[in-house]
Amino acid sequence: MSFFPIAQGFVLGASMIIPIGAQNAFILNQGIKRQHHLVAATICMLSDFILIAIGIYGGSQIINASPLASTLLTWAGILFLLGYGFMSFGSAFRTKVDDSEQNLPPMQSAQTLSKVILTCLAVTLLNPHVYLDTVIILGGVGGQFVDGAKLLFTLGCMLASIVWFYGLAISAAKLSHYLSRPTVKKVIDLLVGAVMWGIALMLFRGWMLA
């Protein structure tokens, strides 16, 4: 049996997961704060596991069979991304930078484990764009495989999720002294906001052309 499908799953899964999104932005911020970042990464990873499996083993076909469901999911994703982008821009413009703070990380208020878990679940399960990436796109491609190849493709997608989320959380924590500087934080927030609105625009254009 060829193991090529696992490589295909890893590459496609990574292409869906790596671009900045609500999950990545949240894990990045938790890593910078060094507050339960590995817990957040684990929740995102396990959520991806479940959604990827649902999509590949039948979920994508069910949603694609209903134009109304596809439209509602797309518009929910657009609105979510616009809202998250607006909050990122708001955070960027609230961040004050002066020369005395350039080399000093800002004080971060501690977050409880329960708050981190609930917030992580919200940016994952209440984010329709996650379903579009995992259930619709990965599920649609993976559903074309059969038997063992389908399982290998699924495992490849899941492996990409493991590598990326843990890698992002650990890297952000190790670089937190640099990434937590006000200037860098402002740039990150502006970048996240721009990407969120860009993805929302692409979803809207896709819906218009459908």
N, C-alpha and C. Protein backbone atom coordinates (compact mmCIF):
# COMPACT_ATOMS: atom_id res chain seq x y z
N MET A 1 0.85 -1.20 0.00
CA MET A 1 0.00 0.00 0.00
C MET A 1 0.88 1.26 0.00
N SER A 2 0.59 2.21 -0.88
CA SER A 2 1.36 3.44 -0.96
C SER A 2 1.04 4.36 0.21
N PHE A 3 2.10 5.00 0.73
CA PHE A 3 1.92 5.95 1.81
C PHE A 3 1.87 7.38 1.29
N PHE A 4 1.76 7.55 -0.03
CA PHE A 4 1.69 8.88 -0.61
C PHE A 4 0.50 9.69 -0.11
N PRO A 5 -0.67 9.09 0.13
CA PRO A 5 -1.81 9.88 0.64
C PRO A 5 -1.52 10.59 1.96
N ILE A 6 -0.65 10.02 2.80
CA ILE A 6 -0.37 10.69 4.08
C ILE A 6 0.41 11.98 3.83
N ALA A 7 1.28 11.96 2.81
CA ALA A 7 2.01 13.18 2.44
C ALA A 7 1.06 14.20 1.84
N GLN A 8 0.13 13.73 1.02
CA GLN A 8 -0.87 14.64 0.44
C GLN A 8 -1.71 15.28 1.54
N GLY A 9 -2.11 14.47 2.51
CA GLY A 9 -2.91 14.98 3.61
C GLY A 9 -2.14 15.99 4.44
N PHE A 10 -0.86 15.73 4.67
CA PHE A 10 -0.04 16.64 5.47
C PHE A 10 0.11 17.99 4.77
N VAL A 11 0.42 17.95 3.47
CA VAL A 11 0.63 19.20 2.72
C VAL A 11 -0.66 20.00 2.62
N LEU A 12 -1.76 19.36 2.25
CA LEU A 12 -3.03 20.07 2.13
C LEU A 12 -3.51 20.54 3.50
N GLY A 13 -3.36 19.68 4.51
CA GLY A 13 -3.76 20.08 5.85
C GLY A 13 -2.99 21.28 6.33
N ALA A 14 -1.68 21.30 6.09
CA ALA A 14 -0.85 22.43 6.49
C ALA A 14 -1.26 23.70 5.76
N SER A 15 -1.60 23.56 4.47
CA SER A 15 -2.00 24.74 3.69
C SER A 15 -3.29 25.36 4.20
N MET A 16 -4.13 24.54 4.84
CA MET A 16 -5.38 25.05 5.41
C MET A 16 -5.18 25.62 6.81
N ILE A 17 -4.23 25.04 7.57
CA ILE A 17 -4.07 25.38 8.98
C ILE A 17 -3.12 26.54 9.20
N ILE A 18 -2.02 26.58 8.43
CA ILE A 18 -0.95 27.55 8.69
C ILE A 18 -1.36 29.00 8.48
N PRO A 19 -2.11 29.37 7.42
CA PRO A 19 -2.47 30.78 7.26
C PRO A 19 -3.13 31.33 8.52
N ILE A 20 -2.81 32.60 8.82
CA ILE A 20 -3.32 33.21 10.05
C ILE A 20 -4.83 33.16 10.09
N GLY A 21 -5.36 32.70 11.22
CA GLY A 21 -6.79 32.63 11.44
C GLY A 21 -7.07 32.89 12.91
N ALA A 22 -8.31 32.77 13.32
CA ALA A 22 -8.68 33.04 14.70
C ALA A 22 -7.95 32.11 15.67
N GLN A 23 -7.86 30.82 15.31
CA GLN A 23 -7.18 29.86 16.17
C GLN A 23 -5.70 30.21 16.31
N ASN A 24 -5.05 30.45 15.19
CA ASN A 24 -3.62 30.77 15.23
C ASN A 24 -3.34 32.05 15.99
N ALA A 25 -4.20 33.06 15.79
CA ALA A 25 -4.02 34.32 16.50
C ALA A 25 -4.16 34.12 18.01
N PHE A 26 -5.12 33.30 18.42
CA PHE A 26 -5.32 33.07 19.85
C PHE A 26 -4.14 32.31 20.45
N ILE A 27 -3.68 31.25 19.76
CA ILE A 27 -2.55 30.49 20.28
C ILE A 27 -1.30 31.36 20.32
N LEU A 28 -1.11 32.19 19.30
CA LEU A 28 0.04 33.09 19.27
C LEU A 28 0.03 34.02 20.48
N ASN A 29 -1.13 34.61 20.77
CA ASN A 29 -1.24 35.51 21.92
C ASN A 29 -1.01 34.79 23.23
N GLN A 30 -1.53 33.56 23.36
CA GLN A 30 -1.32 32.81 24.59
C GLN A 30 0.14 32.41 24.73
N GLY A 31 0.79 32.09 23.61
CA GLY A 31 2.21 31.77 23.67
C GLY A 31 3.04 32.96 24.10
N ILE A 32 2.70 34.14 23.56
CA ILE A 32 3.41 35.36 23.94
C ILE A 32 3.25 35.63 25.43
N LYS A 33 2.04 35.40 25.95
CA LYS A 33 1.77 35.61 27.38
C LYS A 33 2.31 34.46 28.24
N ARG A 34 2.60 33.32 27.57
CA ARG A 34 3.02 32.09 28.26
C ARG A 34 1.94 31.64 29.27
N GLN A 35 0.71 31.70 28.83
CA GLN A 35 -0.42 31.35 29.70
C GLN A 35 -1.23 30.22 29.04
N HIS A 36 -0.98 29.00 29.50
CA HIS A 36 -1.74 27.82 29.06
C HIS A 36 -1.72 27.67 27.54
N HIS A 37 -0.61 28.03 26.89
CA HIS A 37 -0.54 27.97 25.43
C HIS A 37 -0.58 26.54 24.90
N LEU A 38 -0.02 25.60 25.65
CA LEU A 38 -0.05 24.21 25.20
C LEU A 38 -1.46 23.62 25.33
N VAL A 39 -2.20 24.07 26.33
CA VAL A 39 -3.59 23.63 26.48
C VAL A 39 -4.40 24.13 25.28
N ALA A 40 -4.20 25.41 24.92
CA ALA A 40 -4.91 25.98 23.78
C ALA A 40 -4.56 25.23 22.49
N ALA A 41 -3.28 24.91 22.32
CA ALA A 41 -2.86 24.17 21.13
C ALA A 41 -3.51 22.78 21.09
N THR A 42 -3.60 22.15 22.23
CA THR A 42 -4.20 20.81 22.30
C THR A 42 -5.68 20.84 21.94
N ILE A 43 -6.40 21.85 22.44
CA ILE A 43 -7.83 21.97 22.14
C ILE A 43 -8.04 22.18 20.64
N CYS A 44 -7.24 23.07 20.05
CA CYS A 44 -7.37 23.32 18.61
C CYS A 44 -7.05 22.07 17.81
N MET A 45 -6.02 21.35 18.24
CA MET A 45 -5.62 20.13 17.55
C MET A 45 -6.70 19.07 17.61
N LEU A 46 -7.25 18.82 18.80
CA LEU A 46 -8.28 17.80 18.95
C LEU A 46 -9.56 18.19 18.20
N SER A 47 -9.88 19.47 18.21
CA SER A 47 -11.04 19.94 17.46
C SER A 47 -10.86 19.69 15.97
N ASP A 48 -9.66 19.95 15.48
CA ASP A 48 -9.36 19.67 14.07
C ASP A 48 -9.49 18.19 13.77
N PHE A 49 -8.99 17.36 14.67
CA PHE A 49 -9.10 15.91 14.47
C PHE A 49 -10.55 15.51 14.22
N ILE A 50 -11.43 15.99 15.09
CA ILE A 50 -12.84 15.62 15.01
C ILE A 50 -13.48 16.14 13.73
N LEU A 51 -13.24 17.43 13.42
CA LEU A 51 -13.86 18.03 12.24
C LEU A 51 -13.32 17.44 10.95
N ILE A 52 -12.02 17.17 10.91
CA ILE A 52 -11.43 16.56 9.71
C ILE A 52 -12.05 15.19 9.47
N ALA A 53 -12.15 14.39 10.53
CA ALA A 53 -12.73 13.05 10.39
C ALA A 53 -14.18 13.11 9.95
N ILE A 54 -14.94 14.06 10.52
CA ILE A 54 -16.34 14.22 10.12
C ILE A 54 -16.44 14.57 8.64
N GLY A 55 -15.60 15.50 8.20
CA GLY A 55 -15.64 15.94 6.82
C GLY A 55 -15.27 14.85 5.84
N ILE A 56 -14.17 14.14 6.13
CA ILE A 56 -13.69 13.11 5.21
C ILE A 56 -14.63 11.91 5.15
N TYR A 57 -15.25 11.60 6.28
CA TYR A 57 -16.11 10.42 6.31
C TYR A 57 -17.60 10.76 6.17
N GLY A 58 -17.89 11.78 5.36
CA GLY A 58 -19.28 12.01 4.98
C GLY A 58 -19.84 13.39 5.22
N GLY A 59 -19.26 14.17 6.13
CA GLY A 59 -19.83 15.47 6.47
C GLY A 59 -19.82 16.46 5.32
N SER A 60 -18.75 16.46 4.54
CA SER A 60 -18.66 17.43 3.45
C SER A 60 -19.74 17.19 2.40
N GLN A 61 -20.04 15.92 2.11
CA GLN A 61 -21.08 15.61 1.12
C GLN A 61 -22.45 16.09 1.56
N ILE A 62 -22.72 15.96 2.87
CA ILE A 62 -24.02 16.38 3.40
C ILE A 62 -24.20 17.90 3.26
N ILE A 63 -23.15 18.66 3.62
CA ILE A 63 -23.25 20.12 3.55
C ILE A 63 -23.30 20.59 2.10
N ASN A 64 -22.44 20.00 1.25
CA ASN A 64 -22.42 20.42 -0.15
C ASN A 64 -23.72 20.09 -0.88
N ALA A 65 -24.46 19.11 -0.37
CA ALA A 65 -25.73 18.74 -1.00
C ALA A 65 -26.82 19.75 -0.72
N SER A 66 -26.57 20.64 0.24
CA SER A 66 -27.57 21.66 0.60
C SER A 66 -27.04 23.05 0.31
N PRO A 67 -27.50 23.69 -0.78
CA PRO A 67 -27.05 25.06 -1.09
C PRO A 67 -27.32 26.04 0.06
N LEU A 68 -28.43 25.86 0.75
CA LEU A 68 -28.75 26.74 1.87
C LEU A 68 -27.73 26.60 2.98
N ALA A 69 -27.37 25.36 3.33
CA ALA A 69 -26.39 25.13 4.38
C ALA A 69 -25.04 25.73 4.01
N SER A 70 -24.64 25.56 2.75
CA SER A 70 -23.37 26.12 2.29
C SER A 70 -23.38 27.64 2.36
N THR A 71 -24.50 28.25 1.96
CA THR A 71 -24.62 29.70 1.99
C THR A 71 -24.58 30.23 3.42
N LEU A 72 -25.33 29.60 4.31
CA LEU A 72 -25.35 30.04 5.71
C LEU A 72 -23.97 29.91 6.35
N LEU A 73 -23.28 28.81 6.07
CA LEU A 73 -21.95 28.60 6.64
C LEU A 73 -20.97 29.64 6.11
N THR A 74 -21.07 29.93 4.82
CA THR A 74 -20.17 30.92 4.22
C THR A 74 -20.39 32.30 4.82
N TRP A 75 -21.65 32.72 4.94
CA TRP A 75 -21.93 34.05 5.48
C TRP A 75 -21.62 34.14 6.97
N ALA A 76 -21.82 33.06 7.69
CA ALA A 76 -21.44 33.05 9.10
C ALA A 76 -19.93 33.22 9.23
N GLY A 77 -19.19 32.57 8.32
CA GLY A 77 -17.73 32.72 8.32
C GLY A 77 -17.31 34.14 8.00
N ILE A 78 -17.98 34.75 7.02
CA ILE A 78 -17.66 36.13 6.65
C ILE A 78 -17.87 37.07 7.83
N LEU A 79 -19.01 36.96 8.49
CA LEU A 79 -19.32 37.85 9.61
C LEU A 79 -18.37 37.62 10.78
N PHE A 80 -18.04 36.35 11.05
CA PHE A 80 -17.11 36.06 12.13
C PHE A 80 -15.74 36.67 11.86
N LEU A 81 -15.25 36.51 10.65
CA LEU A 81 -13.93 37.03 10.30
C LEU A 81 -13.91 38.56 10.31
N LEU A 82 -14.98 39.18 9.85
CA LEU A 82 -15.05 40.65 9.91
C LEU A 82 -15.01 41.13 11.36
N GLY A 83 -15.76 40.44 12.23
CA GLY A 83 -15.78 40.82 13.64
C GLY A 83 -14.44 40.62 14.31
N TYR A 84 -13.79 39.49 14.04
CA TYR A 84 -12.48 39.21 14.66
C TYR A 84 -11.44 40.20 14.14
N GLY A 85 -11.53 40.52 12.85
CA GLY A 85 -10.60 41.50 12.29
C GLY A 85 -10.79 42.87 12.91
N PHE A 86 -12.05 43.25 13.12
CA PHE A 86 -12.34 44.54 13.77
C PHE A 86 -11.73 44.58 15.17
N MET A 87 -11.84 43.49 15.93
CA MET A 87 -11.27 43.46 17.27
C MET A 87 -9.74 43.54 17.23
N SER A 88 -9.13 42.91 16.23
CA SER A 88 -7.67 42.97 16.09
C SER A 88 -7.21 44.38 15.79
N PHE A 89 -7.91 45.05 14.88
CA PHE A 89 -7.56 46.44 14.58
C PHE A 89 -7.75 47.32 15.82
N GLY A 90 -8.83 47.07 16.56
CA GLY A 90 -9.07 47.84 17.78
C GLY A 90 -7.96 47.65 18.78
N SER A 91 -7.48 46.41 18.94
CA SER A 91 -6.38 46.13 19.85
C SER A 91 -5.11 46.83 19.40
N ALA A 92 -4.88 46.85 18.08
CA ALA A 92 -3.67 47.50 17.55
C ALA A 92 -3.68 48.99 17.85
N PHE A 93 -4.81 49.64 17.66
CA PHE A 93 -4.86 51.08 17.87
C PHE A 93 -4.92 51.47 19.35
N ARG A 94 -5.26 50.50 20.20
CA ARG A 94 -5.22 50.76 21.64
C ARG A 94 -3.82 50.59 22.21
N THR A 95 -2.93 49.90 21.49
CA THR A 95 -1.57 49.66 21.97
C THR A 95 -0.75 50.93 21.81
N LYS A 96 -0.27 51.48 22.91
CA LYS A 96 0.52 52.70 22.89
C LYS A 96 2.00 52.35 22.93
N VAL A 97 2.75 53.02 22.08
CA VAL A 97 4.18 52.75 21.98
C VAL A 97 4.94 54.05 22.19
N ASP A 98 5.95 54.00 23.04
CA ASP A 98 6.87 55.12 23.17
C ASP A 98 8.28 54.56 23.34
N ASP A 99 9.26 55.41 23.26
CA ASP A 99 10.65 54.97 23.27
C ASP A 99 11.02 54.21 24.53
N SER A 100 10.43 54.56 25.65
CA SER A 100 10.78 53.92 26.91
C SER A 100 10.25 52.51 27.00
N GLU A 101 9.28 52.16 26.14
CA GLU A 101 8.67 50.84 26.21
C GLU A 101 9.16 49.91 25.11
N GLN A 102 10.01 50.42 24.22
CA GLN A 102 10.39 49.63 23.06
C GLN A 102 11.01 48.28 23.42
N ASN A 103 11.79 48.23 24.48
CA ASN A 103 12.51 47.01 24.82
C ASN A 103 11.96 46.30 26.04
N LEU A 104 10.78 46.72 26.46
CA LEU A 104 10.19 46.13 27.65
C LEU A 104 8.89 45.45 27.31
N PRO A 105 8.70 44.18 27.70
CA PRO A 105 7.42 43.51 27.45
C PRO A 105 6.36 44.09 28.35
N PRO A 106 5.14 44.30 27.86
CA PRO A 106 4.07 44.85 28.69
C PRO A 106 3.62 43.84 29.73
N MET A 107 3.07 44.36 30.79
CA MET A 107 2.53 43.48 31.83
C MET A 107 1.29 42.80 31.27
N GLN A 108 1.20 41.48 31.49
CA GLN A 108 0.07 40.71 31.01
C GLN A 108 -0.76 40.23 32.19
N SER A 109 -2.05 40.50 32.15
CA SER A 109 -2.91 40.02 33.22
C SER A 109 -3.09 38.52 33.08
N ALA A 110 -3.02 37.81 34.17
CA ALA A 110 -3.11 36.35 34.16
C ALA A 110 -4.53 35.91 33.81
N GLN A 111 -4.63 34.87 33.02
CA GLN A 111 -5.92 34.29 32.66
C GLN A 111 -6.05 32.92 33.31
N THR A 112 -7.22 32.64 33.80
CA THR A 112 -7.44 31.33 34.42
C THR A 112 -7.49 30.26 33.34
N LEU A 113 -7.22 29.03 33.73
CA LEU A 113 -7.25 27.93 32.79
C LEU A 113 -8.64 27.78 32.17
N SER A 114 -9.67 27.92 32.99
CA SER A 114 -11.04 27.76 32.49
C SER A 114 -11.37 28.82 31.45
N LYS A 115 -10.90 30.06 31.64
CA LYS A 115 -11.16 31.12 30.68
C LYS A 115 -10.45 30.85 29.36
N VAL A 116 -9.22 30.36 29.46
CA VAL A 116 -8.46 30.04 28.24
C VAL A 116 -9.16 28.92 27.46
N ILE A 117 -9.62 27.90 28.18
CA ILE A 117 -10.30 26.78 27.53
C ILE A 117 -11.57 27.24 26.85
N LEU A 118 -12.39 28.03 27.55
CA LEU A 118 -13.65 28.49 26.97
C LEU A 118 -13.42 29.41 25.77
N THR A 119 -12.43 30.30 25.87
CA THR A 119 -12.13 31.19 24.75
C THR A 119 -11.63 30.41 23.55
N CYS A 120 -10.78 29.42 23.80
CA CYS A 120 -10.24 28.60 22.73
C CYS A 120 -11.35 27.81 22.04
N LEU A 121 -12.26 27.27 22.82
CA LEU A 121 -13.41 26.55 22.23
C LEU A 121 -14.27 27.50 21.40
N ALA A 122 -14.40 28.74 21.86
CA ALA A 122 -15.22 29.72 21.14
C ALA A 122 -14.60 30.06 19.79
N VAL A 123 -13.28 30.37 19.76
CA VAL A 123 -12.65 30.75 18.49
C VAL A 123 -12.52 29.55 17.56
N THR A 124 -12.73 28.35 18.09
CA THR A 124 -12.67 27.15 17.26
C THR A 124 -14.06 26.72 16.80
N LEU A 125 -14.93 26.42 17.74
CA LEU A 125 -16.23 25.84 17.41
C LEU A 125 -17.26 26.87 16.96
N LEU A 126 -17.08 28.14 17.34
CA LEU A 126 -18.00 29.19 16.90
C LEU A 126 -17.48 29.93 15.68
N ASN A 127 -16.38 29.43 15.13
CA ASN A 127 -15.77 30.05 13.96
C ASN A 127 -16.14 29.25 12.71
N PRO A 128 -17.09 29.71 11.93
CA PRO A 128 -17.52 28.95 10.75
C PRO A 128 -16.40 28.70 9.74
N HIS A 129 -15.38 29.58 9.73
CA HIS A 129 -14.29 29.39 8.78
C HIS A 129 -13.53 28.09 9.06
N VAL A 130 -13.50 27.66 10.31
CA VAL A 130 -12.86 26.38 10.66
C VAL A 130 -13.58 25.24 9.95
N TYR A 131 -14.90 25.29 9.93
CA TYR A 131 -15.68 24.24 9.29
C TYR A 131 -15.47 24.25 7.77
N LEU A 132 -15.32 25.45 7.21
CA LEU A 132 -15.09 25.54 5.77
C LEU A 132 -13.76 24.88 5.39
N ASP A 133 -12.73 25.11 6.21
CA ASP A 133 -11.40 24.55 5.94
C ASP A 133 -11.36 23.04 6.16
N THR A 134 -11.88 22.61 7.30
CA THR A 134 -11.73 21.20 7.68
C THR A 134 -12.81 20.31 7.07
N VAL A 135 -14.06 20.63 7.35
CA VAL A 135 -15.15 19.76 6.90
C VAL A 135 -15.35 19.85 5.39
N ILE A 136 -15.39 21.07 4.85
CA ILE A 136 -15.71 21.24 3.43
C ILE A 136 -14.52 20.93 2.53
N ILE A 137 -13.40 21.65 2.73
CA ILE A 137 -12.27 21.51 1.81
C ILE A 137 -11.51 20.21 2.04
N LEU A 138 -11.00 20.00 3.27
CA LEU A 138 -10.26 18.77 3.54
C LEU A 138 -11.17 17.55 3.41
N GLY A 139 -12.42 17.71 3.88
CA GLY A 139 -13.37 16.60 3.77
C GLY A 139 -13.70 16.26 2.33
N GLY A 140 -13.83 17.30 1.50
CA GLY A 140 -14.14 17.07 0.10
C GLY A 140 -13.03 16.34 -0.64
N VAL A 141 -11.78 16.73 -0.35
CA VAL A 141 -10.65 16.06 -1.00
C VAL A 141 -10.47 14.65 -0.44
N GLY A 142 -10.50 14.54 0.89
CA GLY A 142 -10.30 13.23 1.52
C GLY A 142 -11.38 12.23 1.18
N GLY A 143 -12.59 12.73 0.93
CA GLY A 143 -13.69 11.83 0.60
C GLY A 143 -13.51 11.11 -0.72
N GLN A 144 -12.57 11.60 -1.55
CA GLN A 144 -12.33 10.98 -2.85
C GLN A 144 -11.45 9.73 -2.73
N PHE A 145 -10.76 9.59 -1.58
CA PHE A 145 -9.94 8.41 -1.37
C PHE A 145 -10.81 7.26 -0.88
N VAL A 146 -10.28 6.05 -0.97
CA VAL A 146 -11.04 4.89 -0.51
C VAL A 146 -10.18 4.03 0.41
N ASP A 147 -10.85 3.33 1.30
CA ASP A 147 -10.22 2.33 2.18
C ASP A 147 -9.00 2.89 2.91
N GLY A 148 -7.86 2.18 2.79
CA GLY A 148 -6.66 2.57 3.54
C GLY A 148 -6.12 3.91 3.14
N ALA A 149 -6.25 4.27 1.87
CA ALA A 149 -5.75 5.56 1.40
C ALA A 149 -6.49 6.71 2.09
N LYS A 150 -7.80 6.52 2.31
CA LYS A 150 -8.58 7.56 2.99
C LYS A 150 -8.08 7.75 4.42
N LEU A 151 -7.79 6.64 5.11
CA LEU A 151 -7.28 6.72 6.48
C LEU A 151 -5.92 7.40 6.51
N LEU A 152 -5.04 7.08 5.56
CA LEU A 152 -3.72 7.70 5.51
C LEU A 152 -3.82 9.20 5.25
N PHE A 153 -4.72 9.59 4.35
CA PHE A 153 -4.92 11.02 4.08
C PHE A 153 -5.40 11.73 5.34
N THR A 154 -6.32 11.09 6.05
CA THR A 154 -6.83 11.66 7.30
C THR A 154 -5.71 11.83 8.31
N LEU A 155 -4.87 10.83 8.46
CA LEU A 155 -3.75 10.89 9.41
C LEU A 155 -2.76 11.98 9.01
N GLY A 156 -2.56 12.16 7.69
CA GLY A 156 -1.67 13.22 7.23
C GLY A 156 -2.17 14.60 7.62
N CYS A 157 -3.47 14.82 7.45
CA CYS A 157 -4.08 16.10 7.84
C CYS A 157 -3.93 16.33 9.35
N MET A 158 -4.16 15.28 10.12
CA MET A 158 -4.06 15.39 11.57
C MET A 158 -2.62 15.65 12.01
N LEU A 159 -1.66 15.02 11.33
CA LEU A 159 -0.26 15.24 11.66
C LEU A 159 0.13 16.69 11.43
N ALA A 160 -0.38 17.29 10.36
CA ALA A 160 -0.11 18.70 10.09
C ALA A 160 -0.63 19.57 11.22
N SER A 161 -1.80 19.23 11.74
CA SER A 161 -2.39 19.97 12.85
C SER A 161 -1.51 19.87 14.10
N ILE A 162 -1.01 18.69 14.39
CA ILE A 162 -0.15 18.49 15.56
C ILE A 162 1.12 19.34 15.45
N VAL A 163 1.79 19.21 14.30
CA VAL A 163 3.06 19.91 14.10
C VAL A 163 2.88 21.42 14.17
N TRP A 164 1.84 21.93 13.52
CA TRP A 164 1.67 23.37 13.45
C TRP A 164 1.25 23.98 14.78
N PHE A 165 0.21 23.45 15.40
CA PHE A 165 -0.30 24.09 16.62
C PHE A 165 0.71 24.03 17.77
N TYR A 166 1.34 22.88 17.96
CA TYR A 166 2.35 22.80 19.01
C TYR A 166 3.58 23.63 18.66
N GLY A 167 3.97 23.61 17.39
CA GLY A 167 5.11 24.41 16.97
C GLY A 167 4.87 25.89 17.17
N LEU A 168 3.66 26.35 16.83
CA LEU A 168 3.32 27.77 17.01
C LEU A 168 3.32 28.16 18.48
N ALA A 169 2.70 27.33 19.32
CA ALA A 169 2.61 27.64 20.75
C ALA A 169 3.98 27.69 21.40
N ILE A 170 4.82 26.72 21.10
CA ILE A 170 6.15 26.66 21.71
C ILE A 170 7.04 27.78 21.19
N SER A 171 6.98 28.04 19.89
CA SER A 171 7.80 29.11 19.30
C SER A 171 7.41 30.48 19.86
N ALA A 172 6.11 30.73 19.97
CA ALA A 172 5.65 32.01 20.50
C ALA A 172 6.10 32.20 21.95
N ALA A 173 6.06 31.13 22.73
CA ALA A 173 6.50 31.22 24.12
C ALA A 173 7.99 31.51 24.21
N LYS A 174 8.78 30.86 23.37
CA LYS A 174 10.23 31.05 23.39
C LYS A 174 10.62 32.45 22.92
N LEU A 175 9.82 33.02 22.02
CA LEU A 175 10.11 34.36 21.49
C LEU A 175 9.27 35.44 22.16
N SER A 176 8.64 35.09 23.28
CA SER A 176 7.69 36.01 23.91
C SER A 176 8.33 37.35 24.31
N HIS A 177 9.59 37.35 24.72
CA HIS A 177 10.22 38.60 25.15
C HIS A 177 10.26 39.59 23.99
N TYR A 178 10.48 39.08 22.78
CA TYR A 178 10.52 39.95 21.61
C TYR A 178 9.11 40.26 21.10
N LEU A 179 8.27 39.21 21.00
CA LEU A 179 6.95 39.38 20.42
C LEU A 179 6.01 40.22 21.29
N SER A 180 6.32 40.31 22.60
CA SER A 180 5.43 41.05 23.50
C SER A 180 5.75 42.55 23.54
N ARG A 181 6.76 42.99 22.80
CA ARG A 181 7.05 44.42 22.75
C ARG A 181 5.87 45.14 22.09
N PRO A 182 5.53 46.33 22.59
CA PRO A 182 4.35 47.05 22.06
C PRO A 182 4.37 47.24 20.55
N THR A 183 5.54 47.58 19.99
CA THR A 183 5.60 47.80 18.55
C THR A 183 5.30 46.51 17.78
N VAL A 184 5.91 45.41 18.22
CA VAL A 184 5.70 44.13 17.55
C VAL A 184 4.25 43.69 17.71
N LYS A 185 3.69 43.86 18.92
CA LYS A 185 2.30 43.48 19.16
C LYS A 185 1.36 44.25 18.24
N LYS A 186 1.63 45.54 18.07
CA LYS A 186 0.79 46.36 17.18
C LYS A 186 0.84 45.82 15.75
N VAL A 187 2.03 45.48 15.29
CA VAL A 187 2.19 44.95 13.93
C VAL A 187 1.44 43.63 13.78
N ILE A 188 1.56 42.75 14.79
CA ILE A 188 0.87 41.46 14.75
C ILE A 188 -0.65 41.66 14.68
N ASP A 189 -1.17 42.56 15.52
CA ASP A 189 -2.61 42.82 15.53
C ASP A 189 -3.09 43.37 14.18
N LEU A 190 -2.31 44.28 13.60
CA LEU A 190 -2.67 44.84 12.30
C LEU A 190 -2.64 43.76 11.21
N LEU A 191 -1.62 42.89 11.27
CA LEU A 191 -1.52 41.82 10.29
C LEU A 191 -2.69 40.85 10.42
N VAL A 192 -3.02 40.47 11.66
CA VAL A 192 -4.13 39.55 11.89
C VAL A 192 -5.43 40.16 11.37
N GLY A 193 -5.67 41.43 11.67
CA GLY A 193 -6.88 42.10 11.21
C GLY A 193 -6.97 42.14 9.69
N ALA A 194 -5.85 42.45 9.04
CA ALA A 194 -5.83 42.53 7.58
C ALA A 194 -6.10 41.16 6.96
N VAL A 195 -5.49 40.12 7.52
CA VAL A 195 -5.68 38.78 6.98
C VAL A 195 -7.12 38.32 7.17
N MET A 196 -7.69 38.59 8.35
CA MET A 196 -9.08 38.21 8.61
C MET A 196 -10.02 38.85 7.59
N TRP A 197 -9.85 40.13 7.35
CA TRP A 197 -10.72 40.82 6.39
C TRP A 197 -10.44 40.34 4.97
N GLY A 198 -9.19 39.99 4.68
CA GLY A 198 -8.86 39.46 3.37
C GLY A 198 -9.54 38.12 3.11
N ILE A 199 -9.54 37.24 4.12
CA ILE A 199 -10.20 35.94 3.98
C ILE A 199 -11.71 36.13 3.82
N ALA A 200 -12.26 37.08 4.61
CA ALA A 200 -13.70 37.37 4.49
C ALA A 200 -14.04 37.83 3.07
N LEU A 201 -13.17 38.65 2.48
CA LEU A 201 -13.39 39.12 1.12
C LEU A 201 -13.35 37.97 0.12
N MET A 202 -12.39 37.05 0.31
CA MET A 202 -12.30 35.89 -0.58
C MET A 202 -13.53 35.00 -0.47
N LEU A 203 -14.04 34.82 0.74
CA LEU A 203 -15.26 34.03 0.93
C LEU A 203 -16.44 34.69 0.22
N PHE A 204 -16.51 36.02 0.33
CA PHE A 204 -17.61 36.76 -0.31
C PHE A 204 -17.52 36.63 -1.83
N ARG A 205 -16.30 36.77 -2.37
CA ARG A 205 -16.14 36.64 -3.83
C ARG A 205 -16.49 35.23 -4.29
N GLY A 206 -16.08 34.23 -3.49
CA GLY A 206 -16.42 32.86 -3.84
C GLY A 206 -17.92 32.63 -3.85
N TRP A 207 -18.61 33.24 -2.89
CA TRP A 207 -20.07 33.10 -2.81
C TRP A 207 -20.73 33.80 -4.00
N MET A 208 -20.20 34.94 -4.40
CA MET A 208 -20.78 35.68 -5.53
C MET A 208 -20.60 34.89 -6.85
N LEU A 209 -19.49 34.17 -6.96
CA LEU A 209 -19.20 33.45 -8.19
C LEU A 209 -19.82 32.06 -8.23
N ALA A 210 -20.33 31.61 -7.07
CA ALA A 210 -20.87 30.25 -7.00
C ALA A 210 -22.17 30.14 -7.81
